[in-house]
N, C-alpha and C. Protein backbone atom coordinates (compact mmCIF):
# COMPACT_ATOMS: atom_id res chain seq x y z
N MET A 1 123.66 91.55 85.95
CA MET A 1 122.22 91.31 85.84
C MET A 1 121.91 89.91 86.33
N ASN A 2 120.83 89.76 87.14
CA ASN A 2 120.43 88.44 87.61
C ASN A 2 119.13 88.01 86.94
N ILE A 3 118.70 86.80 87.24
CA ILE A 3 117.53 86.23 86.58
C ILE A 3 116.27 87.03 86.88
N PHE A 4 116.21 87.65 88.08
CA PHE A 4 115.05 88.45 88.45
C PHE A 4 114.91 89.64 87.50
N ASP A 5 116.02 90.24 87.11
CA ASP A 5 115.98 91.39 86.21
C ASP A 5 115.42 91.02 84.85
N ILE A 6 115.56 89.75 84.45
CA ILE A 6 115.13 89.31 83.13
C ILE A 6 113.67 88.87 83.13
N VAL A 7 113.29 88.00 84.07
CA VAL A 7 111.95 87.42 84.04
C VAL A 7 110.99 88.08 85.03
N GLY A 8 111.51 88.84 85.98
CA GLY A 8 110.65 89.52 86.93
C GLY A 8 110.17 88.62 88.05
N PRO A 9 109.32 89.14 88.92
CA PRO A 9 108.86 88.39 90.09
C PRO A 9 107.82 87.34 89.73
N VAL A 10 107.65 86.35 90.62
CA VAL A 10 106.55 85.39 90.51
C VAL A 10 105.30 86.10 90.98
N MET A 11 104.31 86.17 90.11
CA MET A 11 103.15 86.99 90.46
C MET A 11 101.93 86.60 89.65
N VAL A 12 100.76 87.06 90.13
CA VAL A 12 99.52 86.99 89.38
C VAL A 12 99.20 88.41 88.93
N GLY A 13 98.92 88.61 87.65
CA GLY A 13 98.56 89.94 87.19
C GLY A 13 99.46 90.43 86.07
N PRO A 14 99.04 91.47 85.38
CA PRO A 14 99.76 91.89 84.18
C PRO A 14 100.99 92.74 84.43
N SER A 15 101.15 93.35 85.62
CA SER A 15 102.20 94.35 85.80
C SER A 15 102.93 94.17 87.12
N SER A 16 104.26 94.17 87.07
CA SER A 16 105.04 94.03 88.31
C SER A 16 104.91 95.27 89.18
N SER A 17 104.67 96.44 88.59
CA SER A 17 104.53 97.65 89.38
C SER A 17 103.09 97.89 89.81
N HIS A 18 102.14 97.77 88.86
CA HIS A 18 100.75 98.10 89.15
C HIS A 18 100.00 96.95 89.82
N THR A 19 100.52 95.74 89.72
CA THR A 19 99.82 94.60 90.32
C THR A 19 100.65 93.99 91.46
N ALA A 20 101.81 93.42 91.15
CA ALA A 20 102.62 92.78 92.19
C ALA A 20 103.04 93.78 93.26
N GLY A 21 103.53 94.95 92.84
CA GLY A 21 103.93 95.96 93.81
C GLY A 21 102.76 96.44 94.65
N ALA A 22 101.59 96.57 94.02
CA ALA A 22 100.40 96.99 94.75
C ALA A 22 99.99 95.97 95.80
N VAL A 23 100.09 94.68 95.46
CA VAL A 23 99.81 93.63 96.45
C VAL A 23 100.75 93.76 97.64
N LYS A 24 102.04 93.97 97.36
CA LYS A 24 103.03 94.06 98.44
C LYS A 24 102.79 95.26 99.34
N ILE A 25 102.33 96.38 98.76
CA ILE A 25 102.01 97.53 99.60
C ILE A 25 100.86 97.20 100.54
N GLY A 26 99.82 96.57 100.02
CA GLY A 26 98.70 96.19 100.86
C GLY A 26 99.09 95.19 101.92
N TYR A 27 99.87 94.18 101.52
CA TYR A 27 100.32 93.14 102.45
C TYR A 27 101.16 93.75 103.58
N THR A 28 102.11 94.61 103.20
CA THR A 28 102.98 95.24 104.19
C THR A 28 102.17 96.11 105.14
N SER A 29 101.19 96.82 104.62
CA SER A 29 100.37 97.70 105.44
C SER A 29 99.55 96.91 106.45
N ARG A 30 99.04 95.76 106.02
CA ARG A 30 98.29 94.92 106.97
C ARG A 30 99.20 94.42 108.08
N LYS A 31 100.42 94.02 107.74
CA LYS A 31 101.35 93.57 108.77
C LYS A 31 101.71 94.69 109.72
N LEU A 32 101.87 95.90 109.20
CA LEU A 32 102.17 97.04 110.06
C LEU A 32 101.00 97.36 110.98
N LEU A 33 99.76 97.20 110.48
CA LEU A 33 98.58 97.42 111.32
C LEU A 33 98.56 96.43 112.47
N GLY A 34 99.01 95.21 112.22
CA GLY A 34 99.13 94.22 113.29
C GLY A 34 97.85 93.50 113.63
N GLU A 35 96.81 93.67 112.83
CA GLU A 35 95.54 92.98 113.05
C GLU A 35 94.76 93.01 111.75
N PRO A 36 93.75 92.14 111.60
CA PRO A 36 92.96 92.15 110.36
C PRO A 36 92.31 93.51 110.11
N VAL A 37 92.21 93.86 108.84
CA VAL A 37 91.65 95.15 108.45
C VAL A 37 90.12 95.08 108.48
N GLN A 38 89.51 95.99 109.22
CA GLN A 38 88.06 96.08 109.26
C GLN A 38 87.53 97.10 108.25
N LYS A 39 88.28 98.19 108.07
CA LYS A 39 87.85 99.25 107.17
C LYS A 39 89.07 99.82 106.46
N ALA A 40 88.95 100.02 105.15
CA ALA A 40 90.06 100.54 104.36
C ALA A 40 89.57 101.62 103.41
N GLU A 41 90.17 102.80 103.51
CA GLU A 41 89.97 103.85 102.52
C GLU A 41 91.21 103.86 101.64
N ILE A 42 91.06 103.53 100.37
CA ILE A 42 92.17 103.33 99.44
C ILE A 42 92.17 104.48 98.45
N LEU A 43 93.18 105.34 98.55
CA LEU A 43 93.24 106.55 97.73
C LEU A 43 94.41 106.44 96.77
N LEU A 44 94.09 106.41 95.48
CA LEU A 44 95.10 106.19 94.44
C LEU A 44 95.63 107.51 93.90
N TYR A 45 96.87 107.47 93.41
CA TYR A 45 97.54 108.68 92.94
C TYR A 45 98.29 108.39 91.64
N GLY A 46 98.34 109.39 90.76
CA GLY A 46 99.18 109.31 89.57
C GLY A 46 98.76 108.19 88.62
N SER A 47 99.74 107.39 88.22
CA SER A 47 99.48 106.30 87.29
C SER A 47 98.58 105.24 87.91
N PHE A 48 98.71 105.04 89.22
CA PHE A 48 97.81 104.11 89.91
C PHE A 48 96.36 104.53 89.70
N LEU A 49 96.10 105.83 89.75
CA LEU A 49 94.75 106.34 89.57
C LEU A 49 94.33 106.29 88.11
N ALA A 50 95.24 106.66 87.21
CA ALA A 50 94.89 106.79 85.79
C ALA A 50 94.70 105.45 85.10
N THR A 51 95.56 104.47 85.41
CA THR A 51 95.53 103.20 84.67
C THR A 51 95.37 101.98 85.59
N GLY A 52 95.18 102.24 86.87
CA GLY A 52 95.16 101.15 87.84
C GLY A 52 94.05 100.14 87.65
N ARG A 53 92.88 100.61 87.24
CA ARG A 53 91.77 99.66 87.08
C ARG A 53 92.07 98.63 86.01
N GLY A 54 92.67 99.08 84.90
CA GLY A 54 93.01 98.14 83.83
C GLY A 54 94.08 97.14 84.22
N HIS A 55 94.98 97.55 85.12
CA HIS A 55 96.03 96.65 85.58
C HIS A 55 95.62 95.84 86.82
N GLY A 56 94.41 96.10 87.32
CA GLY A 56 93.97 95.38 88.52
C GLY A 56 94.59 95.90 89.79
N THR A 57 95.05 97.17 89.80
CA THR A 57 95.69 97.73 90.99
C THR A 57 94.74 97.76 92.18
N ASP A 58 93.48 98.09 91.94
CA ASP A 58 92.51 98.14 93.04
C ASP A 58 92.35 96.76 93.68
N ARG A 59 92.21 95.73 92.86
CA ARG A 59 92.06 94.37 93.38
C ARG A 59 93.36 93.90 94.05
N ALA A 60 94.48 94.35 93.51
CA ALA A 60 95.77 93.93 94.06
C ALA A 60 95.99 94.50 95.45
N ILE A 61 95.73 95.79 95.63
CA ILE A 61 95.90 96.41 96.95
C ILE A 61 94.97 95.74 97.96
N LEU A 62 93.73 95.52 97.58
CA LEU A 62 92.77 94.89 98.47
C LEU A 62 93.21 93.46 98.81
N ALA A 63 93.75 92.75 97.84
CA ALA A 63 94.25 91.39 98.09
C ALA A 63 95.37 91.41 99.14
N GLY A 64 96.29 92.37 99.01
CA GLY A 64 97.34 92.49 100.01
C GLY A 64 96.80 92.78 101.39
N LEU A 65 95.78 93.63 101.46
CA LEU A 65 95.17 93.94 102.76
C LEU A 65 94.49 92.72 103.37
N LEU A 66 94.13 91.76 102.53
CA LEU A 66 93.55 90.50 103.02
C LEU A 66 94.64 89.51 103.45
N GLY A 67 95.90 89.84 103.19
CA GLY A 67 97.00 88.96 103.56
C GLY A 67 97.56 88.13 102.43
N MET A 68 97.16 88.43 101.18
CA MET A 68 97.68 87.68 100.04
C MET A 68 99.03 88.22 99.60
N LEU A 69 99.84 87.34 99.03
CA LEU A 69 101.11 87.69 98.42
C LEU A 69 100.95 87.73 96.90
N PRO A 70 101.92 88.29 96.16
CA PRO A 70 101.74 88.51 94.71
C PRO A 70 101.49 87.26 93.87
N ASP A 71 101.80 86.07 94.40
CA ASP A 71 101.60 84.85 93.61
C ASP A 71 100.30 84.14 93.96
N ASN A 72 99.44 84.77 94.73
CA ASN A 72 98.19 84.12 95.16
C ASN A 72 97.17 84.13 94.02
N PRO A 73 96.65 82.97 93.62
CA PRO A 73 95.70 82.92 92.49
C PRO A 73 94.35 83.56 92.80
N ASP A 74 94.07 83.86 94.07
CA ASP A 74 92.79 84.46 94.43
C ASP A 74 92.78 85.99 94.32
N ILE A 75 93.90 86.59 93.89
CA ILE A 75 93.95 88.05 93.79
C ILE A 75 92.80 88.63 92.97
N PRO A 76 92.44 88.05 91.81
CA PRO A 76 91.33 88.62 91.03
C PRO A 76 89.99 88.60 91.76
N ARG A 77 89.87 87.76 92.81
CA ARG A 77 88.62 87.63 93.55
C ARG A 77 88.62 88.46 94.84
N SER A 78 89.54 89.40 94.96
CA SER A 78 89.71 90.07 96.25
C SER A 78 88.48 90.87 96.68
N PHE A 79 87.76 91.48 95.74
CA PHE A 79 86.56 92.23 96.12
C PHE A 79 85.55 91.28 96.80
N GLU A 80 85.32 90.16 96.14
CA GLU A 80 84.39 89.17 96.68
C GLU A 80 84.84 88.65 98.04
N LEU A 81 86.13 88.34 98.16
CA LEU A 81 86.64 87.77 99.40
C LEU A 81 86.65 88.80 100.53
N ALA A 82 86.90 90.06 100.21
CA ALA A 82 86.87 91.10 101.23
C ALA A 82 85.46 91.27 101.79
N LYS A 83 84.48 91.25 100.92
CA LYS A 83 83.09 91.37 101.37
C LYS A 83 82.69 90.19 102.25
N LYS A 84 83.14 88.99 101.87
CA LYS A 84 82.85 87.80 102.69
C LYS A 84 83.49 87.91 104.06
N ALA A 85 84.67 88.54 104.12
CA ALA A 85 85.40 88.69 105.38
C ALA A 85 84.84 89.84 106.23
N GLY A 86 83.89 90.60 105.68
CA GLY A 86 83.30 91.70 106.42
C GLY A 86 84.12 92.98 106.39
N MET A 87 85.05 93.08 105.45
CA MET A 87 85.88 94.28 105.35
C MET A 87 85.12 95.36 104.56
N GLU A 88 85.06 96.55 105.12
CA GLU A 88 84.51 97.71 104.41
C GLU A 88 85.65 98.37 103.63
N PHE A 89 85.41 98.71 102.37
CA PHE A 89 86.47 99.35 101.60
C PHE A 89 85.88 100.32 100.59
N THR A 90 86.60 101.41 100.38
CA THR A 90 86.22 102.42 99.41
C THR A 90 87.47 102.86 98.65
N PHE A 91 87.26 103.40 97.45
CA PHE A 91 88.36 103.90 96.63
C PHE A 91 88.13 105.37 96.31
N GLY A 92 89.23 106.10 96.17
CA GLY A 92 89.15 107.50 95.82
C GLY A 92 90.49 108.00 95.31
N GLU A 93 90.61 109.31 95.24
CA GLU A 93 91.82 109.94 94.73
C GLU A 93 92.63 110.53 95.88
N ALA A 94 93.92 110.23 95.91
CA ALA A 94 94.81 110.78 96.93
C ALA A 94 95.25 112.18 96.55
N LYS A 95 95.25 113.09 97.50
CA LYS A 95 95.70 114.47 97.29
C LYS A 95 97.13 114.61 97.81
N LEU A 96 98.06 113.93 97.16
CA LEU A 96 99.46 113.97 97.57
C LEU A 96 100.21 115.02 96.76
N LYS A 97 101.34 115.46 97.28
CA LYS A 97 102.17 116.44 96.58
C LYS A 97 103.54 115.84 96.29
N ASN A 98 103.96 115.97 95.04
CA ASN A 98 105.30 115.51 94.62
C ASN A 98 105.56 114.05 94.98
N ALA A 99 104.53 113.21 94.88
CA ALA A 99 104.66 111.80 95.22
C ALA A 99 105.11 111.01 94.00
N HIS A 100 105.58 109.81 94.24
CA HIS A 100 105.92 108.88 93.16
C HIS A 100 104.65 108.62 92.35
N PRO A 101 104.76 108.47 91.03
CA PRO A 101 103.55 108.30 90.21
C PRO A 101 102.75 107.03 90.51
N ASN A 102 103.40 106.02 91.06
CA ASN A 102 102.68 104.80 91.44
C ASN A 102 102.52 104.78 92.96
N SER A 103 101.61 105.61 93.46
CA SER A 103 101.45 105.76 94.91
C SER A 103 100.03 105.49 95.34
N VAL A 104 99.89 105.06 96.59
CA VAL A 104 98.58 104.87 97.20
C VAL A 104 98.65 105.33 98.65
N GLN A 105 97.59 105.98 99.08
CA GLN A 105 97.44 106.35 100.48
C GLN A 105 96.35 105.47 101.08
N LEU A 106 96.69 104.80 102.17
CA LEU A 106 95.77 103.86 102.81
C LEU A 106 95.42 104.37 104.20
N LEU A 107 94.13 104.49 104.46
CA LEU A 107 93.62 104.85 105.78
C LEU A 107 92.94 103.61 106.33
N LEU A 108 93.58 102.97 107.30
CA LEU A 108 93.15 101.65 107.75
C LEU A 108 92.66 101.67 109.20
N THR A 109 91.63 100.88 109.45
CA THR A 109 91.15 100.63 110.80
C THR A 109 91.09 99.13 111.00
N GLY A 110 91.69 98.64 112.07
CA GLY A 110 91.72 97.22 112.34
C GLY A 110 90.51 96.74 113.12
N LYS A 111 90.38 95.44 113.24
CA LYS A 111 89.23 94.85 113.94
C LYS A 111 89.24 95.19 115.43
N ASN A 112 90.40 95.55 115.98
CA ASN A 112 90.49 95.98 117.37
C ASN A 112 90.63 97.50 117.47
N SER A 113 90.20 98.19 116.40
CA SER A 113 90.12 99.66 116.34
C SER A 113 91.46 100.36 116.22
N ARG A 114 92.55 99.63 115.97
CA ARG A 114 93.81 100.29 115.73
C ARG A 114 93.74 101.00 114.38
N ARG A 115 94.34 102.20 114.30
CA ARG A 115 94.32 102.99 113.08
C ARG A 115 95.73 103.19 112.54
N LEU A 116 95.82 103.27 111.22
CA LEU A 116 97.12 103.44 110.58
C LEU A 116 96.93 104.13 109.24
N GLU A 117 97.79 105.10 108.96
CA GLU A 117 97.81 105.76 107.66
C GLU A 117 99.15 105.48 106.99
N ILE A 118 99.08 104.97 105.76
CA ILE A 118 100.28 104.57 105.01
C ILE A 118 100.28 105.27 103.65
N VAL A 119 101.43 105.74 103.23
CA VAL A 119 101.64 106.09 101.83
C VAL A 119 102.70 105.15 101.28
N GLY A 120 102.30 104.33 100.30
CA GLY A 120 103.20 103.36 99.71
C GLY A 120 103.46 103.67 98.25
N GLU A 121 104.67 103.34 97.79
CA GLU A 121 105.08 103.59 96.41
C GLU A 121 105.53 102.28 95.78
N SER A 122 105.10 102.03 94.56
CA SER A 122 105.55 100.86 93.81
C SER A 122 106.63 101.31 92.83
N LEU A 123 107.84 100.77 92.99
CA LEU A 123 109.01 101.27 92.26
C LEU A 123 109.31 100.50 90.99
N GLY A 124 108.58 99.41 90.74
CA GLY A 124 108.85 98.57 89.57
C GLY A 124 109.49 97.26 89.97
N GLY A 125 109.22 96.22 89.20
CA GLY A 125 109.79 94.91 89.51
C GLY A 125 109.30 94.34 90.82
N SER A 126 108.16 94.79 91.31
CA SER A 126 107.51 94.43 92.58
C SER A 126 108.22 95.03 93.79
N LEU A 127 109.22 95.88 93.58
CA LEU A 127 109.87 96.56 94.69
C LEU A 127 108.99 97.72 95.16
N ILE A 128 108.96 97.94 96.48
CA ILE A 128 108.12 99.00 97.03
C ILE A 128 108.91 99.86 98.01
N ASN A 129 108.32 101.01 98.32
CA ASN A 129 108.83 101.88 99.37
C ASN A 129 107.64 102.35 100.20
N ILE A 130 107.74 102.15 101.51
CA ILE A 130 106.74 102.71 102.41
C ILE A 130 107.22 104.11 102.75
N ALA A 131 106.60 105.10 102.10
CA ALA A 131 107.11 106.47 102.17
C ALA A 131 106.72 107.20 103.45
N GLN A 132 105.50 106.95 103.93
CA GLN A 132 105.03 107.63 105.13
C GLN A 132 104.22 106.68 106.00
N ILE A 133 104.30 106.90 107.29
CA ILE A 133 103.44 106.23 108.27
C ILE A 133 102.87 107.30 109.18
N ASP A 134 101.55 107.39 109.22
CA ASP A 134 100.85 108.37 110.06
C ASP A 134 101.37 109.79 109.83
N GLY A 135 101.61 110.13 108.57
CA GLY A 135 101.96 111.48 108.21
C GLY A 135 103.43 111.84 108.33
N LEU A 136 104.26 110.93 108.85
CA LEU A 136 105.68 111.20 108.99
C LEU A 136 106.47 110.32 108.03
N SER A 137 107.60 110.82 107.56
CA SER A 137 108.44 110.08 106.62
C SER A 137 108.88 108.76 107.22
N ALA A 138 108.99 107.74 106.37
CA ALA A 138 109.46 106.43 106.81
C ALA A 138 110.53 105.91 105.85
N ASN A 139 110.13 105.70 104.57
CA ASN A 139 111.08 105.30 103.52
C ASN A 139 111.84 104.02 103.85
N PHE A 140 111.12 102.91 103.82
CA PHE A 140 111.77 101.61 103.96
C PHE A 140 111.16 100.63 102.96
N SER A 141 111.92 99.57 102.67
CA SER A 141 111.62 98.70 101.54
C SER A 141 110.78 97.48 101.87
N ALA A 142 110.59 97.19 103.17
CA ALA A 142 109.91 95.97 103.60
C ALA A 142 110.67 94.72 103.19
N GLU A 143 111.98 94.84 103.01
CA GLU A 143 112.84 93.69 102.72
C GLU A 143 113.56 93.20 103.97
N TYR A 144 113.49 93.96 105.06
CA TYR A 144 114.12 93.62 106.33
C TYR A 144 113.09 93.74 107.45
N PRO A 145 113.29 93.03 108.58
CA PRO A 145 112.49 93.35 109.76
C PRO A 145 112.72 94.83 110.10
N THR A 146 111.63 95.58 110.28
CA THR A 146 111.76 97.03 110.43
C THR A 146 111.00 97.52 111.65
N LEU A 147 111.68 98.29 112.47
CA LEU A 147 111.11 98.88 113.69
C LEU A 147 110.90 100.37 113.44
N ILE A 148 109.66 100.83 113.64
CA ILE A 148 109.33 102.24 113.46
C ILE A 148 108.87 102.78 114.81
N VAL A 149 109.62 103.74 115.34
CA VAL A 149 109.34 104.29 116.66
C VAL A 149 108.97 105.76 116.52
N HIS A 150 107.74 106.11 116.89
CA HIS A 150 107.31 107.50 116.93
C HIS A 150 107.53 108.01 118.35
N ASN A 151 108.24 109.10 118.48
CA ASN A 151 108.58 109.61 119.80
C ASN A 151 108.62 111.13 119.81
N LEU A 152 108.64 111.71 121.01
CA LEU A 152 108.87 113.14 121.13
C LEU A 152 110.34 113.41 120.86
N ASP A 153 110.62 114.52 120.24
CA ASP A 153 112.00 114.88 119.90
C ASP A 153 112.72 115.36 121.16
N GLN A 154 113.19 114.39 121.94
CA GLN A 154 113.86 114.63 123.22
C GLN A 154 115.15 113.82 123.28
N PRO A 155 116.13 114.26 124.06
CA PRO A 155 117.37 113.50 124.20
C PRO A 155 117.12 112.14 124.84
N GLY A 156 117.87 111.12 124.39
CA GLY A 156 117.87 109.83 125.05
C GLY A 156 117.09 108.73 124.37
N HIS A 157 116.12 109.07 123.52
CA HIS A 157 115.29 108.02 122.94
C HIS A 157 116.06 107.15 121.95
N ILE A 158 116.93 107.74 121.17
CA ILE A 158 117.73 106.93 120.23
C ILE A 158 118.61 105.96 121.00
N ALA A 159 119.22 106.43 122.08
CA ALA A 159 120.08 105.56 122.89
C ALA A 159 119.28 104.42 123.52
N GLU A 160 118.05 104.71 123.97
CA GLU A 160 117.21 103.66 124.56
C GLU A 160 116.93 102.55 123.55
N VAL A 161 116.57 102.96 122.34
CA VAL A 161 116.20 101.98 121.32
C VAL A 161 117.42 101.18 120.86
N THR A 162 118.51 101.86 120.55
CA THR A 162 119.70 101.15 120.07
C THR A 162 120.32 100.27 121.14
N SER A 163 120.26 100.70 122.39
CA SER A 163 120.78 99.87 123.48
C SER A 163 119.96 98.59 123.64
N MET A 164 118.63 98.73 123.51
CA MET A 164 117.76 97.55 123.59
C MET A 164 118.11 96.56 122.48
N LEU A 165 118.29 97.06 121.26
CA LEU A 165 118.61 96.17 120.14
C LEU A 165 119.95 95.49 120.35
N SER A 166 120.92 96.21 120.86
CA SER A 166 122.22 95.61 121.14
C SER A 166 122.10 94.53 122.21
N HIS A 167 121.33 94.79 123.25
CA HIS A 167 121.15 93.82 124.33
C HIS A 167 120.49 92.54 123.82
N LYS A 168 119.63 92.66 122.82
CA LYS A 168 118.93 91.51 122.25
C LYS A 168 119.68 90.91 121.05
N SER A 169 120.91 91.37 120.82
CA SER A 169 121.76 90.86 119.72
C SER A 169 121.10 91.05 118.36
N VAL A 170 120.42 92.18 118.19
CA VAL A 170 119.80 92.53 116.92
C VAL A 170 120.70 93.56 116.24
N ASN A 171 121.21 93.22 115.06
CA ASN A 171 122.10 94.13 114.33
C ASN A 171 121.30 95.11 113.48
N ILE A 172 121.70 96.36 113.48
CA ILE A 172 121.03 97.40 112.69
C ILE A 172 121.61 97.41 111.28
N ALA A 173 120.75 97.21 110.28
CA ALA A 173 121.17 97.27 108.89
C ALA A 173 121.18 98.72 108.39
N SER A 174 120.15 99.49 108.74
CA SER A 174 120.11 100.91 108.40
C SER A 174 119.22 101.62 109.40
N MET A 175 119.45 102.91 109.56
CA MET A 175 118.67 103.70 110.51
C MET A 175 118.44 105.08 109.94
N GLN A 176 117.18 105.52 109.95
CA GLN A 176 116.82 106.85 109.47
C GLN A 176 116.08 107.60 110.57
N LEU A 177 116.36 108.88 110.68
CA LEU A 177 115.73 109.72 111.71
C LEU A 177 115.03 110.89 111.03
N TYR A 178 113.80 111.15 111.45
CA TYR A 178 113.03 112.26 110.92
C TYR A 178 112.36 112.98 112.09
N ARG A 179 112.10 114.26 111.91
CA ARG A 179 111.30 114.99 112.89
C ARG A 179 110.51 116.08 112.19
N SER A 180 109.34 116.40 112.75
CA SER A 180 108.50 117.43 112.16
C SER A 180 109.04 118.81 112.46
N SER A 181 109.62 118.99 113.65
CA SER A 181 110.22 120.25 114.06
C SER A 181 111.05 120.00 115.31
N ARG A 182 111.91 120.92 115.65
CA ARG A 182 112.72 120.79 116.86
C ARG A 182 111.81 120.73 118.09
N GLY A 183 111.96 119.65 118.86
CA GLY A 183 111.13 119.47 120.04
C GLY A 183 109.74 118.95 119.75
N GLY A 184 109.44 118.66 118.46
CA GLY A 184 108.11 118.18 118.09
C GLY A 184 108.05 116.67 117.99
N ASN A 185 107.36 116.18 116.97
CA ASN A 185 107.24 114.74 116.76
C ASN A 185 108.42 114.24 115.94
N ALA A 186 108.90 113.06 116.28
CA ALA A 186 110.04 112.46 115.58
C ALA A 186 109.75 111.00 115.33
N VAL A 187 110.52 110.41 114.41
CA VAL A 187 110.37 108.99 114.10
C VAL A 187 111.73 108.38 113.80
N MET A 188 111.93 107.18 114.29
CA MET A 188 113.09 106.37 113.96
C MET A 188 112.62 105.21 113.09
N VAL A 189 113.32 104.98 111.99
CA VAL A 189 113.02 103.84 111.12
C VAL A 189 114.27 102.99 111.07
N ILE A 190 114.21 101.80 111.67
CA ILE A 190 115.39 100.96 111.84
C ILE A 190 115.17 99.61 111.16
N GLU A 191 115.91 99.37 110.09
CA GLU A 191 115.89 98.07 109.42
C GLU A 191 116.93 97.18 110.10
N CYS A 192 116.52 95.95 110.42
CA CYS A 192 117.35 95.06 111.24
C CYS A 192 117.70 93.77 110.48
N ASP A 193 118.80 93.16 110.88
CA ASP A 193 119.20 91.88 110.29
C ASP A 193 118.50 90.71 110.96
N GLN A 194 118.00 90.91 112.17
CA GLN A 194 117.27 89.86 112.89
C GLN A 194 115.91 90.40 113.32
N GLU A 195 115.00 89.47 113.65
CA GLU A 195 113.70 89.87 114.17
C GLU A 195 113.86 90.48 115.57
N VAL A 196 113.04 91.48 115.87
CA VAL A 196 113.04 92.11 117.19
C VAL A 196 112.05 91.35 118.07
N PRO A 197 112.46 90.88 119.26
CA PRO A 197 111.54 90.13 120.12
C PRO A 197 110.30 90.92 120.49
N ALA A 198 109.17 90.23 120.57
CA ALA A 198 107.90 90.89 120.86
C ALA A 198 107.92 91.59 122.21
N GLU A 199 108.59 90.97 123.20
CA GLU A 199 108.61 91.59 124.53
C GLU A 199 109.40 92.90 124.53
N SER A 200 110.37 93.00 123.63
CA SER A 200 111.15 94.24 123.55
C SER A 200 110.31 95.36 122.93
N ILE A 201 109.47 95.00 121.97
CA ILE A 201 108.58 95.99 121.37
C ILE A 201 107.59 96.50 122.42
N LYS A 202 107.04 95.60 123.23
CA LYS A 202 106.12 96.01 124.29
C LYS A 202 106.82 96.89 125.31
N TRP A 203 108.09 96.58 125.61
CA TRP A 203 108.87 97.41 126.54
C TRP A 203 109.02 98.82 126.01
N LEU A 204 109.31 98.95 124.72
CA LEU A 204 109.46 100.27 124.12
C LEU A 204 108.16 101.07 124.21
N GLU A 205 107.03 100.39 123.99
CA GLU A 205 105.74 101.08 123.96
C GLU A 205 105.42 101.77 125.28
N HIS A 206 106.01 101.30 126.37
CA HIS A 206 105.69 101.85 127.70
C HIS A 206 106.71 102.87 128.19
N LEU A 207 107.71 103.19 127.39
CA LEU A 207 108.69 104.20 127.80
C LEU A 207 108.09 105.60 127.68
N GLU A 208 108.43 106.45 128.62
CA GLU A 208 107.96 107.83 128.58
C GLU A 208 108.53 108.54 127.35
N GLY A 209 107.68 109.24 126.63
CA GLY A 209 108.12 109.96 125.43
C GLY A 209 107.98 109.16 124.15
N ILE A 210 107.68 107.86 124.27
CA ILE A 210 107.44 107.03 123.08
C ILE A 210 105.93 107.04 122.81
N GLU A 211 105.55 107.53 121.65
CA GLU A 211 104.13 107.69 121.35
C GLU A 211 103.52 106.49 120.64
N LYS A 212 104.30 105.81 119.81
CA LYS A 212 103.77 104.67 119.07
C LYS A 212 104.93 103.84 118.54
N VAL A 213 104.77 102.53 118.57
CA VAL A 213 105.77 101.62 118.01
C VAL A 213 105.07 100.71 117.00
N THR A 214 105.60 100.68 115.80
CA THR A 214 105.08 99.82 114.74
C THR A 214 106.19 98.91 114.27
N TYR A 215 105.87 97.66 113.99
CA TYR A 215 106.91 96.70 113.62
C TYR A 215 106.49 95.90 112.41
N TYR A 216 107.42 95.77 111.46
CA TYR A 216 107.20 94.93 110.29
C TYR A 216 108.10 93.71 110.40
N SER A 217 107.48 92.55 110.48
CA SER A 217 108.20 91.29 110.65
C SER A 217 108.22 90.51 109.34
N LEU A 218 109.32 89.80 109.10
CA LEU A 218 109.39 88.91 107.95
C LEU A 218 109.01 87.48 108.30
N SER A 219 108.78 87.20 109.56
CA SER A 219 108.49 85.82 109.97
C SER A 219 107.09 85.43 109.53
N GLY A 220 106.98 84.27 108.87
CA GLY A 220 105.69 83.74 108.43
C GLY A 220 105.23 84.39 107.14
N ARG A 221 104.59 83.64 106.27
CA ARG A 221 104.06 84.15 105.01
C ARG A 221 102.61 84.58 105.13
N LYS A 222 101.96 84.19 106.22
CA LYS A 222 100.55 84.53 106.40
C LYS A 222 100.41 85.40 107.66
N ILE A 223 99.44 86.31 107.61
CA ILE A 223 99.20 87.19 108.73
C ILE A 223 97.73 87.17 109.11
């Protein structure tokens, strides 16, 4: 057992799962969007829906979408700050099936019109899991630089991505592969030990058969 297990994370709010974890889901989702959030539809599920208001889950998720981390003292003011920033936001109920009880579905539109759908889970102790991106399984912790590649289920795409990472001296910590059906849509979720260069991400985006590339970076505390 380490000190984190005893005292928990550094945070603002009453709950490491309903508050700190909720902030991290919002923060991670904003980084994955890659631009400031212009519009957010925030759909709560399970315990997040039932008890979230009392724990400040709604304010916590919105604070993360504004770029705040769990120790930011402005988290309780997130509604006010979002309105000042011109962010449109609404809350509702997520219609998820067999999801973790502390889950939220985020439908995001960025200031440059980029769109992203996230299902995030708060696992306790401020640990999170990004369960889905744009309707496909993802399942990563946001503890590592993470490359998410949406592609057609065709031969060669895995080799293209892994060869690029090797050429850039980026070590793969873990790799998960999902597909909707044979020959349909597929996704690679690659957690890395080093940051992936921006030019390499742009190179991937222009390959034939690659539909979308999303990247979660650990560099910098502000986005």
